[in-house]
């Protein structure tokens, strides 16, 4: 269990994209919830247009970043499986 935890922690320390993705997700969630709570406070003015523009930009950025993060996580998973299974297959010798 200790080696798994140290592997996960080293992945976070060596790959800051994980930390950035988590921070972006938290900020996006916080801003989305604050928009719905504060909707009554703003009239249809420049402030509301600015918020809509901001959320539109955030959504576009997340639509670009999210697939990249998923691809990166999938690549890490495949590499972890390869790192675990390749030593097993290297020990097996097939004589034809």
Protein backbone atom coordinates (compact mmCIF):
# COMPACT_ATOMS: atom_id res chain seq x y z
CA UNK A 1 0.00 0.00 0.00
CA UNK A 2 2.89 2.33 0.79
CA UNK A 3 4.43 1.85 -2.65
CA UNK A 4 1.12 2.61 -4.38
CA UNK A 5 0.71 5.79 -2.37
CA UNK A 6 4.29 6.84 -3.09
CA UNK A 7 3.76 6.12 -6.80
CA UNK A 8 0.64 8.28 -6.86
CA UNK A 9 2.36 11.08 -4.96
CA UNK A 10 5.36 10.94 -7.28
CA UNK A 11 3.01 11.16 -10.26
CA UNK A 12 1.58 14.37 -8.82
CA UNK A 13 5.00 15.82 -8.04
CA UNK A 14 6.57 14.94 -11.40
CA UNK A 15 3.53 15.87 -13.51
CA UNK A 16 2.09 19.26 -12.57
CA UNK A 17 -0.64 18.82 -15.20
CA UNK A 18 -2.53 16.69 -12.65
CA UNK A 19 -2.46 19.47 -10.11
CA UNK A 20 -3.42 22.06 -12.73
CA UNK A 21 -6.33 19.92 -13.92
CA UNK A 22 -7.63 19.46 -10.39
CA UNK A 23 -7.31 23.19 -9.66
CA UNK A 24 -9.07 24.07 -12.92
CA UNK A 25 -11.89 21.65 -12.14
CA UNK A 26 -12.34 23.08 -8.63
CA UNK A 27 -12.31 26.66 -9.88
CA UNK A 28 -14.75 25.83 -12.66
CA UNK A 29 -17.10 24.07 -10.24
CA UNK A 30 -16.89 26.92 -7.74
CA UNK A 31 -17.54 29.57 -10.37
CA UNK A 32 -20.41 27.62 -11.88
CA UNK A 33 -22.10 27.21 -8.48
CA UNK A 34 -21.50 30.86 -7.57
CA UNK A 35 -23.10 31.95 -10.84
CA UNK A 36 -26.31 30.08 -10.09
CA UNK A 37 -26.45 31.40 -6.51
CA UNK A 38 -25.73 35.01 -7.46
CA UNK A 39 -28.00 35.11 -10.51
CA UNK A 40 -30.63 37.15 -8.67
CA UNK A 41 -28.12 39.83 -7.64
CA UNK A 42 -27.22 40.88 -11.18
CA UNK A 43 -29.49 42.61 -13.59
CA UNK A 44 -29.20 42.22 -17.29
CA UNK A 45 -26.29 44.61 -17.46
CA UNK A 46 -22.63 44.63 -18.35
CA UNK A 47 -21.81 42.53 -15.29
CA UNK A 48 -23.99 39.65 -16.44
CA UNK A 49 -22.58 39.84 -19.96
CA UNK A 50 -19.08 39.75 -18.53
CA UNK A 51 -19.93 36.65 -16.47
CA UNK A 52 -21.47 34.93 -19.47
CA UNK A 53 -18.42 35.75 -21.56
CA UNK A 54 -16.14 34.46 -18.80
CA UNK A 55 -18.04 31.17 -18.47
CA UNK A 56 -18.10 30.78 -22.22
CA UNK A 57 -14.30 31.09 -22.26
CA UNK A 58 -13.98 28.65 -19.36
CA UNK A 59 -16.24 26.13 -21.13
CA UNK A 60 -14.20 26.42 -24.33
CA UNK A 61 -10.97 25.96 -22.40
CA UNK A 62 -12.35 22.96 -20.51
CA UNK A 63 -13.59 21.42 -23.76
CA UNK A 64 -10.01 21.63 -25.02
CA UNK A 65 -8.23 20.62 -21.79
CA UNK A 66 -10.48 17.74 -20.71
CA UNK A 67 -9.74 15.41 -23.68
CA UNK A 68 -6.04 16.11 -23.28
CA UNK A 69 -6.18 15.14 -19.62
CA UNK A 70 -8.15 11.98 -20.45
CA UNK A 71 -5.62 11.01 -23.11
CA UNK A 72 -2.77 11.64 -20.67
CA UNK A 73 -4.43 9.53 -17.95
CA UNK A 74 -5.10 6.74 -20.45
CA UNK A 75 -1.46 6.85 -21.54
CA UNK A 76 -0.29 6.65 -17.92
CA UNK A 77 -2.57 3.65 -17.30
CA UNK A 78 -1.31 1.84 -20.41
CA UNK A 79 2.29 2.54 -19.47
CA UNK A 80 1.70 1.28 -15.92
CA UNK A 81 0.22 -1.95 -17.27
CA UNK A 82 3.15 -2.31 -19.66
CA UNK A 83 5.61 -1.71 -16.83
CA UNK A 84 3.92 -4.42 -14.77
CA UNK A 85 3.41 -7.00 -17.52
CA UNK A 86 6.54 -6.69 -19.65
CA UNK A 87 8.85 -8.23 -17.02
CA UNK A 88 6.51 -11.21 -16.82
CA UNK A 89 6.53 -11.70 -20.59
CA UNK A 90 10.29 -11.27 -20.80
CA UNK A 91 10.79 -14.25 -18.48
CA UNK A 92 8.71 -16.49 -20.72
CA UNK A 93 10.79 -18.03 -23.48
CA UNK A 94 9.13 -19.60 -26.46
CA UNK A 95 11.15 -22.09 -28.48
CA UNK A 96 9.75 -22.68 -31.93
